Amino acid sequence: MVTPDHLALEWLASGLFITVLGALIKFAGWTWLLAGYSKSTSPVPDDVVQDMAGNTILRVGITVFVFGVLASVIEPPSYLGLIIGAAIVIAVLRLLYRLNTWSPPQTA
């Protein structure tokens, strides 16, 4: 039986926690978990924020969890954690850009 070290357990627990938060935002509509977001002051509708932020957070959580699984099975290269961190930063920046440039769909 493979016994994961403490670093792999941290990645697994963090990934699971982030995935649960992403699911709560996307499927339960818990947008109050998003720092700085307010339904009353945001020009972006709540369902759009729920979908965009929920998808991004779910992707980040699943990526972190998969890295934890990988780290529990093999010894990953030390730079892989930095790549995961950079991917998370890029995903968050992409989310912020998409939310700040959102415009309502045009009807014909």
Foldseek 3Di string as FASTA:
>chain_A
DFDFDPVLVVLQVQLVVLLVVLCCLQPVVPCVVDPPDDCVPAPDHSNVLSNLSSVLSNVLSVVSNVVSVVRRVDPDDPCVVVVSVVVNVVSVVVSVVCRVPDDDDDDD
